[in-house]
PDB file of N, CA and C in Angstrom:
ATOM      1  N   MET A   1      99.448  89.935  92.053  1.00  0.00           N
ATOM      2  CA  MET A   1     100.512  91.365  92.481  1.00  0.00           C
ATOM      3  C   MET A   1     100.669  92.413  91.307  1.00  0.00           C
ATOM      4  N   THR A   2     100.984  92.377  90.120  1.00  0.00           N
ATOM      5  CA  THR A   2     101.035  93.335  89.012  1.00  0.00           C
ATOM      6  C   THR A   2     100.030  93.912  88.895  1.00  0.00           C
ATOM      7  N   ILE A   3      98.649  93.518  88.893  1.00  0.00           N
ATOM      8  CA  ILE A   3      97.057  93.897  89.170  1.00  0.00           C
ATOM      9  C   ILE A   3      96.907  95.094  89.940  1.00  0.00           C
ATOM     10  N   THR A   4      97.468  94.920  91.133  1.00  0.00           N
ATOM     11  CA  THR A   4      97.301  95.688  92.521  1.00  0.00           C
ATOM     12  C   THR A   4      97.996  97.001  92.548  1.00  0.00           C
ATOM     13  N   ALA A   5      99.277  96.822  91.984  1.00  0.00           N
ATOM     14  CA  ALA A   5     100.153  97.548  91.365  1.00  0.00           C
ATOM     15  C   ALA A   5      99.546  98.700  90.069  1.00  0.00           C
ATOM     16  N   ILE A   6      99.073  97.979  89.437  1.00  0.00           N
ATOM     17  CA  ILE A   6      98.370  98.824  88.044  1.00  0.00           C
ATOM     18  C   ILE A   6      97.282  99.437  88.636  1.00  0.00           C
ATOM     19  N   ARG A   7      96.368  98.790  89.486  1.00  0.00           N
ATOM     20  CA  ARG A   7      94.942 100.162  90.199  1.00  0.00           C
ATOM     21  C   ARG A   7      95.613 100.296  90.784  1.00  0.00           C
ATOM     22  N   THR A   8      97.023 100.636  91.663  1.00  0.00           N
ATOM     23  CA  THR A   8      97.422 101.394  92.419  1.00  0.00           C
ATOM     24  C   THR A   8      97.751 103.110  92.076  1.00  0.00           C
ATOM     25  N   VAL A   9      98.466 102.855  91.248  1.00  0.00           N
ATOM     26  CA  VAL A   9      99.246 103.454  89.868  1.00  0.00           C
ATOM     27  C   VAL A   9      97.930 104.322  89.242  1.00  0.00           C
ATOM     28  N   ILE A  10      97.176 104.045  88.522  1.00  0.00           N
ATOM     29  CA  ILE A  10      95.837 104.463  88.065  1.00  0.00           C
ATOM     30  C   ILE A  10      95.218 105.752  89.505  1.00  0.00           C
ATOM     31  N   ILE A  11      94.736 104.661  90.277  1.00  0.00           N
ATOM     32  CA  ILE A  11      94.399 105.449  91.585  1.00  0.00           C
ATOM     33  C   ILE A  11      94.902 106.794  91.508  1.00  0.00           C
ATOM     34  N   TYR A  12      96.286 106.912  91.821  1.00  0.00           N
ATOM     35  CA  TYR A  12      97.167 107.603  91.924  1.00  0.00           C
ATOM     36  C   TYR A  12      97.250 108.982  91.160  1.00  0.00           C
ATOM     37  N   ILE A  13      97.182 108.384  89.676  1.00  0.00           N
ATOM     38  CA  ILE A  13      96.771 109.445  88.613  1.00  0.00           C
ATOM     39  C   ILE A  13      96.226 110.615  88.666  1.00  0.00           C
ATOM     40  N   PHE A  14      94.776 109.119  89.478  1.00  0.00           N
ATOM     41  CA  PHE A  14      93.542 109.754  89.125  1.00  0.00           C
ATOM     42  C   PHE A  14      93.186 110.955  90.525  1.00  0.00           C
ATOM     43  N   LEU A  15      93.511 110.604  91.379  1.00  0.00           N
ATOM     44  CA  LEU A  15      94.158 111.669  92.723  1.00  0.00           C
ATOM     45  C   LEU A  15      94.869 112.453  93.080  1.00  0.00           C
ATOM     46  N   ILE A  16      95.802 112.494  92.466  1.00  0.00           N
ATOM     47  CA  ILE A  16      96.724 113.762  91.900  1.00  0.00           C
ATOM     48  C   ILE A  16      96.282 115.157  91.028  1.00  0.00           C
ATOM     49  N   ILE A  17      95.524 114.568  89.722  1.00  0.00           N
ATOM     50  CA  ILE A  17      95.082 115.308  88.856  1.00  0.00           C
ATOM     51  C   ILE A  17      93.274 115.654  89.886  1.00  0.00           C
ATOM     52  N   ALA A  18      93.263 115.070  90.724  1.00  0.00           N
ATOM     53  CA  ALA A  18      91.396 115.799  91.498  1.00  0.00           C
ATOM     54  C   ALA A  18      92.594 116.650  92.441  1.00  0.00           C
ATOM     55  N   MET A  19      93.127 116.494  93.095  1.00  0.00           N
ATOM     56  CA  MET A  19      94.103 117.729  93.919  1.00  0.00           C
ATOM     57  C   MET A  19      94.428 118.977  93.613  1.00  0.00           C
ATOM     58  N   ARG A  20      94.821 118.595  92.006  1.00  0.00           N
ATOM     59  CA  ARG A  20      95.759 119.630  91.563  1.00  0.00           C
ATOM     60  C   ARG A  20      94.073 120.825  91.157  1.00  0.00           C
ATOM     61  N   ILE A  21      92.595 120.491  90.598  1.00  0.00           N
ATOM     62  CA  ILE A  21      91.743 120.361  90.311  1.00  0.00           C
ATOM     63  C   ILE A  21      90.961 121.296  91.508  1.00  0.00           C
ATOM     64  N   MET A  22      91.318 120.694  92.850  1.00  0.00           N
ATOM     65  CA  MET A  22      90.849 121.816  94.057  1.00  0.00           C
ATOM     66  C   MET A  22      91.101 123.089  94.479  1.00  0.00           C
ATOM     67  N   GLY A  23      92.770 122.878  93.657  1.00  0.00           N
ATOM     68  CA  GLY A  23      93.932 123.677  93.711  1.00  0.00           C
ATOM     69  C   GLY A  23      94.534 124.344  94.984  1.00  0.00           C
ATOM     70  N   LYS A  24      94.183 123.407  95.960  1.00  0.00           N
ATOM     71  CA  LYS A  24      95.473 123.109  96.915  1.00  0.00           C
ATOM     72  C   LYS A  24      96.711 122.502  97.127  1.00  0.00           C
ATOM     73  N   ARG A  25      97.754 123.172  97.427  1.00  0.00           N
ATOM     74  CA  ARG A  25      99.409 122.890  97.410  1.00  0.00           C
ATOM     75  C   ARG A  25      99.448 122.629  99.030  1.00  0.00           C
ATOM     76  N   GLN A  26      99.112 122.908 100.203  1.00  0.00           N
ATOM     77  CA  GLN A  26      99.759 122.799 100.844  1.00  0.00           C
ATOM     78  C   GLN A  26      98.451 122.515 102.486  1.00  0.00           C
ATOM     79  N   LEU A  27      98.568 121.688 103.030  1.00  0.00           N
ATOM     80  CA  LEU A  27      97.629 121.300 104.132  1.00  0.00           C
ATOM     81  C   LEU A  27      97.224 122.466 105.285  1.00  0.00           C
ATOM     82  N   GLY A  28      98.255 123.896 104.476  1.00  0.00           N
ATOM     83  CA  GLY A  28      97.640 124.867 105.748  1.00  0.00           C
ATOM     84  C   GLY A  28      97.084 125.933 104.654  1.00  0.00           C
ATOM     85  N   GLU A  29      96.456 125.410 103.377  1.00  0.00           N
ATOM     86  CA  GLU A  29      95.920 126.347 102.966  1.00  0.00           C
ATOM     87  C   GLU A  29      94.182 125.631 103.039  1.00  0.00           C
ATOM     88  N   LEU A  30      94.061 124.474 103.303  1.00  0.00           N
ATOM     89  CA  LEU A  30      92.679 123.504 103.640  1.00  0.00           C
ATOM     90  C   LEU A  30      91.811 124.518 104.422  1.00  0.00           C
ATOM     91  N   GLN A  31      90.527 124.641 104.399  1.00  0.00           N
ATOM     92  CA  GLN A  31      89.637 124.604 104.851  1.00  0.00           C
ATOM     93  C   GLN A  31      89.136 123.802 105.661  1.00  0.00           C
ATOM     94  N   PRO A  32      88.614 123.725 106.698  1.00  0.00           N
ATOM     95  CA  PRO A  32      88.269 122.703 107.628  1.00  0.00           C
ATOM     96  C   PRO A  32      87.291 121.699 106.803  1.00  0.00           C
ATOM     97  N   VAL A  33      86.165 122.109 105.836  1.00  0.00           N
ATOM     98  CA  VAL A  33      85.095 121.480 104.975  1.00  0.00           C
ATOM     99  C   VAL A  33      86.480 120.719 104.188  1.00  0.00           C
ATOM    100  N   GLU A  34      87.481 121.270 102.853  1.00  0.00           N
ATOM    101  CA  GLU A  34      88.532 120.435 102.125  1.00  0.00           C
ATOM    102  C   GLU A  34      88.662 119.921 102.870  1.00  0.00           C
ATOM    103  N   LEU A  35      89.298 119.864 104.594  1.00  0.00           N
ATOM    104  CA  LEU A  35      90.138 118.806 104.851  1.00  0.00           C
ATOM    105  C   LEU A  35      89.375 117.168 104.947  1.00  0.00           C
ATOM    106  N   VAL A  36      88.058 117.352 105.352  1.00  0.00           N
ATOM    107  CA  VAL A  36      87.516 116.607 105.800  1.00  0.00           C
ATOM    108  C   VAL A  36      86.829 115.716 103.733  1.00  0.00           C
ATOM    109  N   VAL A  37      86.755 116.868 103.127  1.00  0.00           N
ATOM    110  CA  VAL A  37      86.524 116.440 101.944  1.00  0.00           C
ATOM    111  C   VAL A  37      88.302 115.038 101.314  1.00  0.00           C
ATOM    112  N   THR A  38      89.534 115.422 101.588  1.00  0.00           N
ATOM    113  CA  THR A  38      90.856 115.449 101.470  1.00  0.00           C
ATOM    114  C   THR A  38      90.527 113.797 102.383  1.00  0.00           C
ATOM    115  N   LEU A  39      89.969 113.273 103.363  1.00  0.00           N
ATOM    116  CA  LEU A  39      91.062 112.436 104.204  1.00  0.00           C
ATOM    117  C   LEU A  39      89.262 111.493 103.487  1.00  0.00           C
ATOM    118  N   LEU A  40      88.253 112.108 103.031  1.00  0.00           N
ATOM    119  CA  LEU A  40      87.260 111.017 102.628  1.00  0.00           C
ATOM    120  C   LEU A  40      87.673 109.954 101.358  1.00  0.00           C
ATOM    121  N   ILE A  41      88.184 111.349 100.658  1.00  0.00           N
ATOM    122  CA  ILE A  41      88.576 110.610  99.321  1.00  0.00           C
ATOM    123  C   ILE A  41      89.759 110.056  99.452  1.00  0.00           C
ATOM    124  N   SER A  42      90.400 109.821 100.241  1.00  0.00           N
ATOM    125  CA  SER A  42      91.570 109.196 100.455  1.00  0.00           C
ATOM    126  C   SER A  42      91.472 107.710 101.152  1.00  0.00           C
ATOM    127  N   ASP A  43      90.153 107.706 101.777  1.00  0.00           N
ATOM    128  CA  ASP A  43      89.467 106.321 102.360  1.00  0.00           C
ATOM    129  C   ASP A  43      88.823 105.753 101.198  1.00  0.00           C
ATOM    130  N   LEU A  44      88.517 106.558 100.284  1.00  0.00           N
ATOM    131  CA  LEU A  44      87.535 106.074  99.280  1.00  0.00           C
ATOM    132  C   LEU A  44      88.818 104.993  97.962  1.00  0.00           C
ATOM    133  N   ALA A  45      89.522 105.864  97.991  1.00  0.00           N
ATOM    134  CA  ALA A  45      90.414 105.488  97.291  1.00  0.00           C
ATOM    135  C   ALA A  45      91.345 104.316  97.463  1.00  0.00           C
ATOM    136  N   ALA A  46      91.013 103.866  99.011  1.00  0.00           N
ATOM    137  CA  ALA A  46      92.061 102.827  99.630  1.00  0.00           C
ATOM    138  C   ALA A  46      91.290 101.862  99.243  1.00  0.00           C
ATOM    139  N   VAL A  47      90.326 101.402  99.146  1.00  0.00           N
ATOM    140  CA  VAL A  47      89.607 100.467  99.158  1.00  0.00           C
ATOM    141  C   VAL A  47      89.722  99.414  98.054  1.00  0.00           C
ATOM    142  N   PRO A  48      89.373 100.356  96.612  1.00  0.00           N
ATOM    143  CA  PRO A  48      89.657  99.161  95.084  1.00  0.00           C
ATOM    144  C   PRO A  48      90.921  98.951  95.490  1.00  0.00           C
ATOM    145  N   MET A  49      91.656  99.899  95.856  1.00  0.00           N
ATOM    146  CA  MET A  49      93.965  99.711  95.646  1.00  0.00           C
ATOM    147  C   MET A  49      93.833  97.856  97.039  1.00  0.00           C
ATOM    148  N   GLN A  50      93.043  98.029  97.630  1.00  0.00           N
ATOM    149  CA  GLN A  50      93.080  97.103  98.537  1.00  0.00           C
ATOM    150  C   GLN A  50      92.092  95.800  98.243  1.00  0.00           C
ATOM    151  N   ASP A  51      91.155  96.073  97.481  1.00  0.00           N
ATOM    152  CA  ASP A  51      90.283  94.783  97.393  1.00  0.00           C
ATOM    153  C   ASP A  51      90.450  94.576  95.743  1.00  0.00           C
ATOM    154  N   LEU A  52      90.867  93.451  95.087  1.00  0.00           N
ATOM    155  CA  LEU A  52      90.893  93.318  93.312  1.00  0.00           C
ATOM    156  C   LEU A  52      89.519  92.874  93.012  1.00  0.00           C
ATOM    157  N   GLY A  53      88.280  92.673  94.146  1.00  0.00           N
ATOM    158  CA  GLY A  53      87.049  92.222  93.641  1.00  0.00           C
ATOM    159  C   GLY A  53      85.882  93.639  93.561  1.00  0.00           C
ATOM    160  N   ILE A  54      86.669  94.693  93.654  1.00  0.00           N
ATOM    161  CA  ILE A  54      85.774  96.126  93.257  1.00  0.00           C
ATOM    162  C   ILE A  54      86.368  96.568  92.241  1.00  0.00           C
ATOM    163  N   PRO A  55      85.767  97.306  91.540  1.00  0.00           N
ATOM    164  CA  PRO A  55      85.842  98.093  90.590  1.00  0.00           C
ATOM    165  C   PRO A  55      86.687  99.203  90.345  1.00  0.00           C
ATOM    166  N   LEU A  56      87.493  99.118  89.366  1.00  0.00           N
ATOM    167  CA  LEU A  56      87.813 100.921  90.019  1.00  0.00           C
ATOM    168  C   LEU A  56      86.614 101.466  89.570  1.00  0.00           C
ATOM    169  N   LEU A  57      86.108 101.786  88.803  1.00  0.00           N
ATOM    170  CA  LEU A  57      84.819 103.011  89.378  1.00  0.00           C
ATOM    171  C   LEU A  57      84.268 102.609  90.060  1.00  0.00           C
ATOM    172  N   ALA A  58      84.193 102.005  90.899  1.00  0.00           N
ATOM    173  CA  ALA A  58      83.116 102.449  92.337  1.00  0.00           C
ATOM    174  C   ALA A  58      84.466 102.791  93.788  1.00  0.00           C
ATOM    175  N   GLY A  59      85.262 103.291  92.878  1.00  0.00           N
ATOM    176  CA  GLY A  59      85.840 104.291  93.765  1.00  0.00           C
ATOM    177  C   GLY A  59      86.306 105.424  93.344  1.00  0.00           C
ATOM    178  N   ILE A  60      86.187 105.458  91.798  1.00  0.00           N
ATOM    179  CA  ILE A  60      86.326 106.512  91.308  1.00  0.00           C
ATOM    180  C   ILE A  60      85.244 107.713  91.299  1.00  0.00           C
ATOM    181  N   VAL A  61      84.250 106.992  91.068  1.00  0.00           N
ATOM    182  CA  VAL A  61      82.645 107.786  91.041  1.00  0.00           C
ATOM    183  C   VAL A  61      82.392 108.625  92.023  1.00  0.00           C
ATOM    184  N   PRO A  62      82.733 108.016  93.118  1.00  0.00           N
ATOM    185  CA  PRO A  62      82.169 108.682  94.941  1.00  0.00           C
ATOM    186  C   PRO A  62      83.498 109.720  94.515  1.00  0.00           C
ATOM    187  N   ILE A  63      84.453 109.796  94.269  1.00  0.00           N
ATOM    188  CA  ILE A  63      86.053 110.728  94.270  1.00  0.00           C
ATOM    189  C   ILE A  63      85.109 111.555  93.941  1.00  0.00           C
ATOM    190  N   LEU A  64      85.074 111.287  92.118  1.00  0.00           N
ATOM    191  CA  LEU A  64      84.446 112.580  91.678  1.00  0.00           C
ATOM    192  C   LEU A  64      83.078 113.422  91.611  1.00  0.00           C
ATOM    193  N   THR A  65      81.695 112.730  92.734  1.00  0.00           N
ATOM    194  CA  THR A  65      81.319 113.449  92.994  1.00  0.00           C
ATOM    195  C   THR A  65      81.362 114.247  94.520  1.00  0.00           C
ATOM    196  N   LEU A  66      82.541 113.642  94.954  1.00  0.00           N
ATOM    197  CA  LEU A  66      82.940 114.532  96.397  1.00  0.00           C
ATOM    198  C   LEU A  66      83.967 115.916  95.917  1.00  0.00           C
ATOM    199  N   LEU A  67      84.610 115.566  94.642  1.00  0.00           N
ATOM    200  CA  LEU A  67      85.193 116.547  93.477  1.00  0.00           C
ATOM    201  C   LEU A  67      84.297 117.343  93.347  1.00  0.00           C
ATOM    202  N   SER A  68      83.446 117.054  92.689  1.00  0.00           N
ATOM    203  CA  SER A  68      82.619 118.381  92.726  1.00  0.00           C
ATOM    204  C   SER A  68      81.370 119.112  93.010  1.00  0.00           C
ATOM    205  N   LEU A  69      80.862 118.371  94.299  1.00  0.00           N
ATOM    206  CA  LEU A  69      80.189 119.160  94.984  1.00  0.00           C
ATOM    207  C   LEU A  69      81.204 120.275  96.095  1.00  0.00           C
ATOM    208  N   THR A  70      82.405 119.476  96.287  1.00  0.00           N
ATOM    209  CA  THR A  70      83.424 120.969  96.946  1.00  0.00           C
ATOM    210  C   THR A  70      83.677 121.979  95.479  1.00  0.00           C
ATOM    211  N   MET A  71      83.477 121.593  94.487  1.00  0.00           N
ATOM    212  CA  MET A  71      83.849 122.573  93.363  1.00  0.00           C
ATOM    213  C   MET A  71      82.640 123.910  93.625  1.00  0.00           C
ATOM    214  N   VAL A  72      81.385 123.223  93.381  1.00  0.00           N
ATOM    215  CA  VAL A  72      80.128 124.186  93.376  1.00  0.00           C
ATOM    216  C   VAL A  72      80.203 124.612  94.792  1.00  0.00           C
TER     217      VAL A  72
END
């Protein structure tokens, strides 16, 4: 139970930083492509939080990839 809570906090902090880098604060400011990326990121973050057998990097690397593609 404690490991799940720690993993959730780590992913939460990582997602907050990622969203700040994207620069959008409100849902109304998002372009359709950015909204899709946000939904994909939330789905990618949910998997390592729920399954303890999946390493955190398996969720963080795809999120970083999507963030990088969005910024380019």
